[in-house]
Full PDB file with SEQRES, HELIX, SHEET, SSBOND, CRYST1, ORIGX, SCALE, CONECT and MASTER records, all heavy atoms in Angstrom:
SEQRES   1 A   39  ILE ASN ARG LEU ARG LYS ARG GLN ILE LYS ASN PHE LEU          
SEQRES   2 A   39  ALA LEU THR LEU LEU SER ALA GLY THR PRO MET LEU THR          
SEQRES   3 A   39  MET GLY ASP GLU VAL CYS ARG SER GLN TRP GLY ASN ASN          
HELIX    1 AA1 ASN A    2  LEU A   18  1                                  17    
HELIX    2 AA2 ASP A   29  VAL A   31  5                                   3    
CRYST1    1.000    1.000    1.000  90.00  90.00  90.00 P 1           1          
ORIGX1      1.000000  0.000000  0.000000        0.00000                         
ORIGX2      0.000000  1.000000  0.000000        0.00000                         
ORIGX3      0.000000  0.000000  1.000000        0.00000                         
SCALE1      1.000000  0.000000  0.000000        0.00000                         
SCALE2      0.000000  1.000000  0.000000        0.00000                         
SCALE3      0.000000  0.000000  1.000000        0.00000                         
ATOM      1  N   ILE A   1       0.849  -1.181  -0.003  1.00  0.00           N  
ATOM      2  CA  ILE A   1       0.033  -0.027  -0.003  1.00  0.00           C  
ATOM      3  C   ILE A   1       0.909   1.256  -0.004  1.00  0.00           C  
ATOM      4  O   ILE A   1       0.594   2.239  -0.736  1.00  0.00           O  
ATOM      5  CB  ILE A   1      -0.911  -0.011   1.192  1.00  0.00           C  
ATOM      6  CG1 ILE A   1      -1.979  -1.148   1.010  1.00  0.00           C  
ATOM      7  CG2 ILE A   1      -1.611   1.366   1.370  1.00  0.00           C  
ATOM      8  CD1 ILE A   1      -2.927  -1.279   2.202  1.00  0.00           C  
ATOM      9  N   ASN A   2       1.925   1.249   0.755  1.00  0.00           N  
ATOM     10  CA  ASN A   2       2.787   2.398   0.800  1.00  0.00           C  
ATOM     11  C   ASN A   2       3.494   2.670  -0.542  1.00  0.00           C  
ATOM     12  O   ASN A   2       3.686   3.810  -0.934  1.00  0.00           O  
ATOM     13  CB  ASN A   2       3.793   2.239   1.929  1.00  0.00           C  
ATOM     14  CG  ASN A   2       3.203   2.501   3.321  1.00  0.00           C  
ATOM     15  OD1 ASN A   2       2.335   3.285   3.440  1.00  0.00           O  
ATOM     16  ND2 ASN A   2       3.710   1.786   4.325  1.00  0.00           N  
ATOM     17  N   ARG A   3       3.883   1.595  -1.248  1.00  0.00           N  
ATOM     18  CA  ARG A   3       4.446   1.707  -2.593  1.00  0.00           C  
ATOM     19  C   ARG A   3       3.436   2.318  -3.499  1.00  0.00           C  
ATOM     20  O   ARG A   3       3.743   3.190  -4.323  1.00  0.00           O  
ATOM     21  CB  ARG A   3       4.959   0.416  -3.062  1.00  0.00           C  
ATOM     22  CG  ARG A   3       6.303  -0.045  -2.443  1.00  0.00           C  
ATOM     23  CD  ARG A   3       6.933  -1.257  -3.261  1.00  0.00           C  
ATOM     24  NE  ARG A   3       6.015  -2.400  -3.210  1.00  0.00           N  
ATOM     25  CZ  ARG A   3       6.149  -3.360  -2.289  1.00  0.00           C  
ATOM     26  NH1 ARG A   3       7.048  -3.311  -1.300  1.00  0.00           N  
ATOM     27  NH2 ARG A   3       5.345  -4.378  -2.308  1.00  0.00           N  
ATOM     28  N   LEU A   4       2.238   1.807  -3.437  1.00  0.00           N  
ATOM     29  CA  LEU A   4       1.167   2.317  -4.313  1.00  0.00           C  
ATOM     30  C   LEU A   4       0.927   3.785  -4.061  1.00  0.00           C  
ATOM     31  O   LEU A   4       0.707   4.594  -4.968  1.00  0.00           O  
ATOM     32  CB  LEU A   4      -0.095   1.464  -4.156  1.00  0.00           C  
ATOM     33  CG  LEU A   4      -1.352   1.912  -4.982  1.00  0.00           C  
ATOM     34  CD1 LEU A   4      -0.944   2.024  -6.482  1.00  0.00           C  
ATOM     35  CD2 LEU A   4      -2.528   1.061  -4.732  1.00  0.00           C  
ATOM     36  N   ARG A   5       0.881   4.214  -2.764  1.00  0.00           N  
ATOM     37  CA  ARG A   5       0.634   5.572  -2.497  1.00  0.00           C  
ATOM     38  C   ARG A   5       1.737   6.437  -3.073  1.00  0.00           C  
ATOM     39  O   ARG A   5       1.487   7.513  -3.571  1.00  0.00           O  
ATOM     40  CB  ARG A   5       0.586   5.721  -0.955  1.00  0.00           C  
ATOM     41  CG  ARG A   5      -0.635   5.236  -0.324  1.00  0.00           C  
ATOM     42  CD  ARG A   5      -0.694   5.296   1.202  1.00  0.00           C  
ATOM     43  NE  ARG A   5      -1.930   4.864   1.714  1.00  0.00           N  
ATOM     44  CZ  ARG A   5      -2.226   4.747   3.037  1.00  0.00           C  
ATOM     45  NH1 ARG A   5      -1.250   5.065   3.947  1.00  0.00           N  
ATOM     46  NH2 ARG A   5      -3.413   4.390   3.436  1.00  0.00           N  
ATOM     47  N   LYS A   6       2.998   6.041  -2.960  1.00  0.00           N  
ATOM     48  CA  LYS A   6       4.138   6.774  -3.546  1.00  0.00           C  
ATOM     49  C   LYS A   6       3.912   6.914  -5.044  1.00  0.00           C  
ATOM     50  O   LYS A   6       4.112   8.039  -5.590  1.00  0.00           O  
ATOM     51  CB  LYS A   6       5.432   6.130  -3.223  1.00  0.00           C  
ATOM     52  CG  LYS A   6       6.026   6.422  -1.905  1.00  0.00           C  
ATOM     53  CD  LYS A   6       6.663   7.858  -1.856  1.00  0.00           C  
ATOM     54  CE  LYS A   6       7.351   8.124  -0.574  1.00  0.00           C  
ATOM     55  NZ  LYS A   6       8.671   7.666  -0.452  1.00  0.00           N  
ATOM     56  N   ARG A   7       3.474   5.863  -5.691  1.00  0.00           N  
ATOM     57  CA  ARG A   7       3.293   5.872  -7.121  1.00  0.00           C  
ATOM     58  C   ARG A   7       2.139   6.901  -7.482  1.00  0.00           C  
ATOM     59  O   ARG A   7       2.246   7.623  -8.433  1.00  0.00           O  
ATOM     60  CB  ARG A   7       2.925   4.482  -7.648  1.00  0.00           C  
ATOM     61  CG  ARG A   7       2.839   4.385  -9.140  1.00  0.00           C  
ATOM     62  CD  ARG A   7       2.446   2.981  -9.609  1.00  0.00           C  
ATOM     63  NE  ARG A   7       3.389   1.942  -9.120  1.00  0.00           N  
ATOM     64  CZ  ARG A   7       3.278   0.686  -9.332  1.00  0.00           C  
ATOM     65  NH1 ARG A   7       2.292   0.251 -10.152  1.00  0.00           N  
ATOM     66  NH2 ARG A   7       4.120  -0.171  -8.866  1.00  0.00           N  
ATOM     67  N   GLN A   8       1.102   6.827  -6.711  1.00  0.00           N  
ATOM     68  CA  GLN A   8       0.004   7.738  -6.969  1.00  0.00           C  
ATOM     69  C   GLN A   8       0.393   9.247  -6.759  1.00  0.00           C  
ATOM     70  O   GLN A   8      -0.005  10.082  -7.488  1.00  0.00           O  
ATOM     71  CB  GLN A   8      -1.171   7.407  -6.012  1.00  0.00           C  
ATOM     72  CG  GLN A   8      -1.981   6.124  -6.431  1.00  0.00           C  
ATOM     73  CD  GLN A   8      -2.834   6.307  -7.631  1.00  0.00           C  
ATOM     74  OE1 GLN A   8      -2.319   6.383  -8.730  1.00  0.00           O  
ATOM     75  NE2 GLN A   8      -4.092   6.347  -7.450  1.00  0.00           N  
ATOM     76  N   ILE A   9       1.157   9.448  -5.718  1.00  0.00           N  
ATOM     77  CA  ILE A   9       1.682  10.785  -5.492  1.00  0.00           C  
ATOM     78  C   ILE A   9       2.501  11.307  -6.771  1.00  0.00           C  
ATOM     79  O   ILE A   9       2.326  12.408  -7.208  1.00  0.00           O  
ATOM     80  CB  ILE A   9       2.562  10.851  -4.225  1.00  0.00           C  
ATOM     81  CG1 ILE A   9       1.701  10.796  -3.023  1.00  0.00           C  
ATOM     82  CG2 ILE A   9       3.472  12.029  -4.179  1.00  0.00           C  
ATOM     83  CD1 ILE A   9       2.440  10.621  -1.676  1.00  0.00           C  
ATOM     84  N   LYS A  10       3.308  10.365  -7.249  1.00  0.00           N  
ATOM     85  CA  LYS A  10       4.092  10.791  -8.436  1.00  0.00           C  
ATOM     86  C   LYS A  10       3.183  10.980  -9.644  1.00  0.00           C  
ATOM     87  O   LYS A  10       3.455  11.846 -10.513  1.00  0.00           O  
ATOM     88  CB  LYS A  10       5.150   9.702  -8.718  1.00  0.00           C  
ATOM     89  CG  LYS A  10       6.299   9.668  -7.668  1.00  0.00           C  
ATOM     90  CD  LYS A  10       7.398   8.747  -8.065  1.00  0.00           C  
ATOM     91  CE  LYS A  10       7.089   7.302  -7.889  1.00  0.00           C  
ATOM     92  NZ  LYS A  10       8.202   6.433  -8.134  1.00  0.00           N  
ATOM     93  N   ASN A  11       2.142  10.208  -9.793  1.00  0.00           N  
ATOM     94  CA  ASN A  11       1.215  10.428 -10.838  1.00  0.00           C  
ATOM     95  C   ASN A  11       0.575  11.695 -10.822  1.00  0.00           C  
ATOM     96  O   ASN A  11       0.446  12.464 -11.893  1.00  0.00           O  
ATOM     97  CB  ASN A  11       0.099   9.288 -10.788  1.00  0.00           C  
ATOM     98  CG  ASN A  11       0.588   7.967 -11.161  1.00  0.00           C  
ATOM     99  OD1 ASN A  11       1.574   7.785 -11.922  1.00  0.00           O  
ATOM    100  ND2 ASN A  11      -0.017   6.885 -10.637  1.00  0.00           N  
ATOM    101  N   PHE A  12       0.084  12.175  -9.657  1.00  0.00           N  
ATOM    102  CA  PHE A  12      -0.528  13.462  -9.496  1.00  0.00           C  
ATOM    103  C   PHE A  12       0.468  14.572  -9.813  1.00  0.00           C  
ATOM    104  O   PHE A  12       0.169  15.526 -10.475  1.00  0.00           O  
ATOM    105  CB  PHE A  12      -1.065  13.632  -8.108  1.00  0.00           C  
ATOM    106  CG  PHE A  12      -2.433  12.928  -7.848  1.00  0.00           C  
ATOM    107  CD1 PHE A  12      -2.467  11.956  -6.961  1.00  0.00           C  
ATOM    108  CD2 PHE A  12      -3.488  13.259  -8.592  1.00  0.00           C  
ATOM    109  CE1 PHE A  12      -3.685  11.259  -6.682  1.00  0.00           C  
ATOM    110  CE2 PHE A  12      -4.716  12.658  -8.326  1.00  0.00           C  
ATOM    111  CZ  PHE A  12      -4.828  11.646  -7.374  1.00  0.00           C  
ATOM    112  N   LEU A  13       1.683  14.433  -9.338  1.00  0.00           N  
ATOM    113  CA  LEU A  13       2.692  15.446  -9.577  1.00  0.00           C  
ATOM    114  C   LEU A  13       3.042  15.574 -11.060  1.00  0.00           C  
ATOM    115  O   LEU A  13       3.230  16.631 -11.579  1.00  0.00           O  
ATOM    116  CB  LEU A  13       3.934  15.117  -8.711  1.00  0.00           C  
ATOM    117  CG  LEU A  13       3.865  15.331  -7.254  1.00  0.00           C  
ATOM    118  CD1 LEU A  13       5.045  14.706  -6.552  1.00  0.00           C  
ATOM    119  CD2 LEU A  13       3.748  16.843  -6.846  1.00  0.00           C  
ATOM    120  N   ALA A  14       3.142  14.408 -11.686  1.00  0.00           N  
ATOM    121  CA  ALA A  14       3.458  14.425 -13.131  1.00  0.00           C  
ATOM    122  C   ALA A  14       2.409  15.126 -13.947  1.00  0.00           C  
ATOM    123  O   ALA A  14       2.733  16.036 -14.778  1.00  0.00           O  
ATOM    124  CB  ALA A  14       3.624  13.042 -13.611  1.00  0.00           C  
ATOM    125  N   LEU A  15       1.150  14.901 -13.724  1.00  0.00           N  
ATOM    126  CA  LEU A  15       0.144  15.557 -14.454  1.00  0.00           C  
ATOM    127  C   LEU A  15       0.030  17.075 -14.133  1.00  0.00           C  
ATOM    128  O   LEU A  15      -0.262  17.873 -14.988  1.00  0.00           O  
ATOM    129  CB  LEU A  15      -1.240  14.872 -14.271  1.00  0.00           C  
ATOM    130  CG  LEU A  15      -1.531  13.717 -15.281  1.00  0.00           C  
ATOM    131  CD1 LEU A  15      -2.802  13.050 -14.923  1.00  0.00           C  
ATOM    132  CD2 LEU A  15      -1.646  14.286 -16.688  1.00  0.00           C  
ATOM    133  N   THR A  16       0.258  17.383 -12.867  1.00  0.00           N  
ATOM    134  CA  THR A  16       0.273  18.800 -12.492  1.00  0.00           C  
ATOM    135  C   THR A  16       1.389  19.602 -13.175  1.00  0.00           C  
ATOM    136  O   THR A  16       1.121  20.676 -13.676  1.00  0.00           O  
ATOM    137  CB  THR A  16       0.329  18.954 -10.947  1.00  0.00           C  
ATOM    138  OG1 THR A  16      -0.728  18.244 -10.310  1.00  0.00           O  
ATOM    139  CG2 THR A  16       0.336  20.417 -10.554  1.00  0.00           C  
ATOM    140  N   LEU A  17       2.573  19.018 -13.171  1.00  0.00           N  
ATOM    141  CA  LEU A  17       3.720  19.799 -13.628  1.00  0.00           C  
ATOM    142  C   LEU A  17       3.969  19.612 -15.101  1.00  0.00           C  
ATOM    143  O   LEU A  17       4.734  20.422 -15.687  1.00  0.00           O  
ATOM    144  CB  LEU A  17       4.979  19.350 -12.800  1.00  0.00           C  
ATOM    145  CG  LEU A  17       4.967  19.902 -11.415  1.00  0.00           C  
ATOM    146  CD1 LEU A  17       5.995  19.141 -10.577  1.00  0.00           C  
ATOM    147  CD2 LEU A  17       5.258  21.391 -11.436  1.00  0.00           C  
ATOM    148  N   LEU A  18       3.331  18.657 -15.720  1.00  0.00           N  
ATOM    149  CA  LEU A  18       3.619  18.431 -17.160  1.00  0.00           C  
ATOM    150  C   LEU A  18       2.404  18.884 -18.032  1.00  0.00           C  
ATOM    151  O   LEU A  18       2.477  18.715 -19.268  1.00  0.00           O  
ATOM    152  CB  LEU A  18       3.955  16.938 -17.475  1.00  0.00           C  
ATOM    153  CG  LEU A  18       5.241  16.536 -16.765  1.00  0.00           C  
ATOM    154  CD1 LEU A  18       5.560  15.111 -17.130  1.00  0.00           C  
ATOM    155  CD2 LEU A  18       6.430  17.349 -17.138  1.00  0.00           C  
ATOM    156  N   SER A  19       1.333  19.297 -17.426  1.00  0.00           N  
ATOM    157  CA  SER A  19       0.162  19.790 -18.185  1.00  0.00           C  
ATOM    158  C   SER A  19       0.391  21.230 -18.652  1.00  0.00           C  
ATOM    159  O   SER A  19       1.058  21.991 -17.933  1.00  0.00           O  
ATOM    160  CB  SER A  19      -1.088  19.690 -17.397  1.00  0.00           C  
ATOM    161  OG  SER A  19      -1.483  18.326 -17.139  1.00  0.00           O  
ATOM    162  N   ALA A  20      -0.170  21.641 -19.819  1.00  0.00           N  
ATOM    163  CA  ALA A  20      -0.034  23.053 -20.191  1.00  0.00           C  
ATOM    164  C   ALA A  20      -0.927  23.881 -19.203  1.00  0.00           C  
ATOM    165  O   ALA A  20      -1.980  23.474 -18.804  1.00  0.00           O  
ATOM    166  CB  ALA A  20      -0.581  23.134 -21.632  1.00  0.00           C  
ATOM    167  N   GLY A  21      -0.508  25.094 -18.983  1.00  0.00           N  
ATOM    168  CA  GLY A  21      -1.113  25.965 -18.038  1.00  0.00           C  
ATOM    169  C   GLY A  21      -0.065  26.489 -17.088  1.00  0.00           C  
ATOM    170  O   GLY A  21       1.116  26.473 -17.364  1.00  0.00           O  
ATOM    171  N   THR A  22      -0.493  26.930 -15.901  1.00  0.00           N  
ATOM    172  CA  THR A  22       0.351  27.388 -14.839  1.00  0.00           C  
ATOM    173  C   THR A  22       0.251  26.392 -13.731  1.00  0.00           C  
ATOM    174  O   THR A  22      -0.795  26.340 -12.967  1.00  0.00           O  
ATOM    175  CB  THR A  22      -0.028  28.791 -14.421  1.00  0.00           C  
ATOM    176  OG1 THR A  22      -0.017  29.705 -15.477  1.00  0.00           O  
ATOM    177  CG2 THR A  22       0.926  29.274 -13.272  1.00  0.00           C  
ATOM    178  N   PRO A  23       1.353  25.606 -13.390  1.00  0.00           N  
ATOM    179  CA  PRO A  23       1.199  24.671 -12.283  1.00  0.00           C  
ATOM    180  C   PRO A  23       1.412  25.309 -10.903  1.00  0.00           C  
ATOM    181  O   PRO A  23       2.132  26.284 -10.814  1.00  0.00           O  
ATOM    182  CB  PRO A  23       2.334  23.729 -12.631  1.00  0.00           C  
ATOM    183  CG  PRO A  23       3.384  24.589 -13.373  1.00  0.00           C  
ATOM    184  CD  PRO A  23       2.567  25.590 -14.093  1.00  0.00           C  
ATOM    185  N   MET A  24       0.687  24.762 -10.003  1.00  0.00           N  
ATOM    186  CA  MET A  24       0.863  25.228  -8.589  1.00  0.00           C  
ATOM    187  C   MET A  24       1.004  23.998  -7.628  1.00  0.00           C  
ATOM    188  O   MET A  24       0.221  23.012  -7.652  1.00  0.00           O  
ATOM    189  CB  MET A  24      -0.386  25.999  -8.150  1.00  0.00           C  
ATOM    190  CG  MET A  24      -0.206  26.626  -6.752  1.00  0.00           C  
ATOM    191  SD  MET A  24      -1.660  27.501  -6.098  1.00  0.00           S  
ATOM    192  CE  MET A  24      -2.647  26.123  -5.594  1.00  0.00           C  
ATOM    193  N   LEU A  25       2.071  24.045  -6.889  1.00  0.00           N  
ATOM    194  CA  LEU A  25       2.355  23.028  -5.860  1.00  0.00           C  
ATOM    195  C   LEU A  25       2.002  23.608  -4.489  1.00  0.00           C  
ATOM    196  O   LEU A  25       2.034  24.813  -4.307  1.00  0.00           O  
ATOM    197  CB  LEU A  25       3.841  22.661  -5.889  1.00  0.00           C  
ATOM    198  CG  LEU A  25       4.386  22.013  -7.158  1.00  0.00           C  
ATOM    199  CD1 LEU A  25       5.955  21.914  -7.024  1.00  0.00           C  
ATOM    200  CD2 LEU A  25       3.817  20.708  -7.359  1.00  0.00           C  
ATOM    201  N   THR A  26       1.586  22.681  -3.567  1.00  0.00           N  
ATOM    202  CA  THR A  26       1.355  23.124  -2.197  1.00  0.00           C  
ATOM    203  C   THR A  26       2.502  22.780  -1.309  1.00  0.00           C  
ATOM    204  O   THR A  26       3.087  21.640  -1.422  1.00  0.00           O  
ATOM    205  CB  THR A  26       0.045  22.388  -1.728  1.00  0.00           C  
ATOM    206  OG1 THR A  26      -1.003  22.708  -2.605  1.00  0.00           O  
ATOM    207  CG2 THR A  26      -0.285  22.844  -0.311  1.00  0.00           C  
ATOM    208  N   MET A  27       2.859  23.710  -0.392  1.00  0.00           N  
ATOM    209  CA  MET A  27       3.933  23.545   0.552  1.00  0.00           C  
ATOM    210  C   MET A  27       3.928  22.146   1.087  1.00  0.00           C  
ATOM    211  O   MET A  27       2.930  21.704   1.755  1.00  0.00           O  
ATOM    212  CB  MET A  27       3.876  24.555   1.602  1.00  0.00           C  
ATOM    213  CG  MET A  27       4.966  24.549   2.611  1.00  0.00           C  
ATOM    214  SD  MET A  27       4.753  25.662   4.018  1.00  0.00           S  
ATOM    215  CE  MET A  27       3.577  24.778   5.047  1.00  0.00           C  
ATOM    216  N   GLY A  28       5.041  21.413   0.974  1.00  0.00           N  
ATOM    217  CA  GLY A  28       5.222  20.083   1.590  1.00  0.00           C  
ATOM    218  C   GLY A  28       4.752  18.898   0.770  1.00  0.00           C  
ATOM    219  O   GLY A  28       5.156  17.774   1.137  1.00  0.00           O  
ATOM    220  N   ASP A  29       4.007  19.181  -0.307  1.00  0.00           N  
ATOM    221  CA  ASP A  29       3.630  17.977  -1.119  1.00  0.00           C  
ATOM    222  C   ASP A  29       4.822  17.347  -1.736  1.00  0.00           C  
ATOM    223  O   ASP A  29       4.855  16.126  -2.044  1.00  0.00           O  
ATOM    224  CB  ASP A  29       2.656  18.498  -2.210  1.00  0.00           C  
ATOM    225  CG  ASP A  29       1.280  18.528  -1.750  1.00  0.00           C  
ATOM    226  OD1 ASP A  29       0.966  18.127  -0.614  1.00  0.00           O  
ATOM    227  OD2 ASP A  29       0.345  18.957  -2.482  1.00  0.00           O  
ATOM    228  N   GLU A  30       5.927  18.134  -1.915  1.00  0.00           N  
ATOM    229  CA  GLU A  30       7.157  17.573  -2.509  1.00  0.00           C  
ATOM    230  C   GLU A  30       7.894  16.682  -1.603  1.00  0.00           C  
ATOM    231  O   GLU A  30       8.829  16.023  -1.947  1.00  0.00           O  
ATOM    232  CB  GLU A  30       8.015  18.749  -3.014  1.00  0.00           C  
ATOM    233  CG  GLU A  30       8.828  19.473  -1.957  1.00  0.00           C  
ATOM    234  CD  GLU A  30       8.015  20.552  -1.207  1.00  0.00           C  
ATOM    235  OE1 GLU A  30       6.726  20.582  -1.420  1.00  0.00           O  
ATOM    236  OE2 GLU A  30       8.576  21.404  -0.506  1.00  0.00           O  
ATOM    237  N   VAL A  31       7.438  16.664  -0.254  1.00  0.00           N  
ATOM    238  CA  VAL A  31       8.115  15.735   0.675  1.00  0.00           C  
ATOM    239  C   VAL A  31       7.033  14.946   1.487  1.00  0.00           C  
ATOM    240  O   VAL A  31       7.335  14.492   2.535  1.00  0.00           O  
ATOM    241  CB  VAL A  31       9.034  16.528   1.652  1.00  0.00           C  
ATOM    242  CG1 VAL A  31      10.239  17.092   0.889  1.00  0.00           C  
ATOM    243  CG2 VAL A  31       8.243  17.612   2.407  1.00  0.00           C  
ATOM    244  N   CYS A  32       5.796  14.866   0.896  1.00  0.00           N  
ATOM    245  CA  CYS A  32       4.790  13.993   1.501  1.00  0.00           C  
ATOM    246  C   CYS A  32       4.296  14.486   2.868  1.00  0.00           C  
ATOM    247  O   CYS A  32       4.106  13.703   3.785  1.00  0.00           O  
ATOM    248  CB  CYS A  32       5.248  12.544   1.551  1.00  0.00           C  
ATOM    249  SG  CYS A  32       5.661  11.758  -0.031  1.00  0.00           S  
ATOM    250  N   ARG A  33       4.153  15.726   3.031  1.00  0.00           N  
ATOM    251  CA  ARG A  33       3.621  16.310   4.226  1.00  0.00           C  
ATOM    252  C   ARG A  33       2.223  15.842   4.509  1.00  0.00           C  
ATOM    253  O   ARG A  33       1.388  15.819   3.558  1.00  0.00           O  
ATOM    254  CB  ARG A  33       3.617  17.824   4.224  1.00  0.00           C  
ATOM    255  CG  ARG A  33       3.181  18.481   5.581  1.00  0.00           C  
ATOM    256  CD  ARG A  33       3.309  20.017   5.479  1.00  0.00           C  
ATOM    257  NE  ARG A  33       2.220  20.531   4.743  1.00  0.00           N  
ATOM    258  CZ  ARG A  33       1.019  20.789   5.225  1.00  0.00           C  
ATOM    259  NH1 ARG A  33       0.759  20.596   6.529  1.00  0.00           N  
ATOM    260  NH2 ARG A  33       0.069  21.325   4.437  1.00  0.00           N  
ATOM    261  N   SER A  34       1.896  15.409   5.747  1.00  0.00           N  
ATOM    262  CA  SER A  34       0.530  14.916   6.068  1.00  0.00           C  
ATOM    263  C   SER A  34      -0.097  15.823   7.156  1.00  0.00           C  
ATOM    264  O   SER A  34       0.587  16.368   7.998  1.00  0.00           O  
ATOM    265  CB  SER A  34       0.644  13.488   6.571  1.00  0.00           C  
ATOM    266  OG  SER A  34      -0.591  13.053   7.033  1.00  0.00           O  
ATOM    267  N   GLN A  35      -1.427  15.887   7.091  1.00  0.00           N  
ATOM    268  CA  GLN A  35      -2.174  16.563   8.105  1.00  0.00           C  
ATOM    269  C   GLN A  35      -3.113  15.494   8.816  1.00  0.00           C  
ATOM    270  O   GLN A  35      -4.122  15.880   9.408  1.00  0.00           O  
ATOM    271  CB  GLN A  35      -3.040  17.748   7.558  1.00  0.00           C  
ATOM    272  CG  GLN A  35      -2.197  18.876   7.087  1.00  0.00           C  
ATOM    273  CD  GLN A  35      -2.991  19.989   6.425  1.00  0.00           C  
ATOM    274  OE1 GLN A  35      -2.455  21.043   6.150  1.00  0.00           O  
ATOM    275  NE2 GLN A  35      -4.278  19.819   6.178  1.00  0.00           N  
ATOM    276  N   TRP A  36      -2.775  14.279   8.710  1.00  0.00           N  
ATOM    277  CA  TRP A  36      -3.432  13.162   9.406  1.00  0.00           C  
ATOM    278  C   TRP A  36      -4.963  13.150   9.003  1.00  0.00           C  
ATOM    279  O   TRP A  36      -5.733  12.836   9.858  1.00  0.00           O  
ATOM    280  CB  TRP A  36      -3.208  13.281  10.891  1.00  0.00           C  
ATOM    281  CG  TRP A  36      -1.758  13.194  11.265  1.00  0.00           C  
ATOM    282  CD1 TRP A  36      -0.923  14.225  11.552  1.00  0.00           C  
ATOM    283  CD2 TRP A  36      -0.928  12.006  11.322  1.00  0.00           C  
ATOM    284  NE1 TRP A  36       0.384  13.810  11.797  1.00  0.00           N  
ATOM    285  CE2 TRP A  36       0.397  12.471  11.666  1.00  0.00           C  
ATOM    286  CE3 TRP A  36      -1.161  10.656  11.130  1.00  0.00           C  
ATOM    287  CZ2 TRP A  36       1.466  11.542  11.799  1.00  0.00           C  
ATOM    288  CZ3 TRP A  36      -0.131   9.727  11.199  1.00  0.00           C  
ATOM    289  CH2 TRP A  36       1.191  10.213  11.603  1.00  0.00           C  
ATOM    290  N   GLY A  37      -5.157  13.463   7.749  1.00  0.00           N  
ATOM    291  CA  GLY A  37      -6.549  13.376   7.285  1.00  0.00           C  
ATOM    292  C   GLY A  37      -7.386  14.635   7.547  1.00  0.00           C  
ATOM    293  O   GLY A  37      -8.571  14.610   7.161  1.00  0.00           O  
ATOM    294  N   ASN A  38      -6.816  15.644   8.132  1.00  0.00           N  
ATOM    295  CA  ASN A  38      -7.574  16.862   8.311  1.00  0.00           C  
ATOM    296  C   ASN A  38      -7.556  17.676   7.058  1.00  0.00           C  
ATOM    297  O   ASN A  38      -6.528  18.052   6.521  1.00  0.00           O  
ATOM    298  CB  ASN A  38      -6.891  17.679   9.482  1.00  0.00           C  
ATOM    299  CG  ASN A  38      -7.759  18.801   9.956  1.00  0.00           C  
ATOM    300  OD1 ASN A  38      -8.387  19.515   9.146  1.00  0.00           O  
ATOM    301  ND2 ASN A  38      -7.734  19.099  11.281  1.00  0.00           N  
ATOM    302  N   ASN A  39      -8.766  17.984   6.515  1.00  0.00           N  
ATOM    303  CA  ASN A  39      -8.818  18.654   5.256  1.00  0.00           C  
ATOM    304  C   ASN A  39      -9.273  20.158   5.420  1.00  0.00           C  
ATOM    305  O   ASN A  39      -9.641  20.707   4.457  1.00  0.00           O  
ATOM    306  CB  ASN A  39      -9.691  17.940   4.272  1.00  0.00           C  
ATOM    307  CG  ASN A  39     -11.225  18.007   4.542  1.00  0.00           C  
ATOM    308  OD1 ASN A  39     -11.618  18.524   5.682  1.00  0.00           O  
ATOM    309  ND2 ASN A  39     -12.048  17.608   3.646  1.00  0.00           N  
TER     310      ASN A  39                                                      
MASTER        0    0    0    2    0    0    0    6  309    1    0    3          
END                                                                             
């Protein structure tokens, strides 16, 4: 499950940063920051 989660994170990052437009990243997403499910 942890391997799959890492893969999914990379999938989201790839589409965000390789799509045409202006990409925006959120602080800490590049290092897997968690808020323990608090949205």
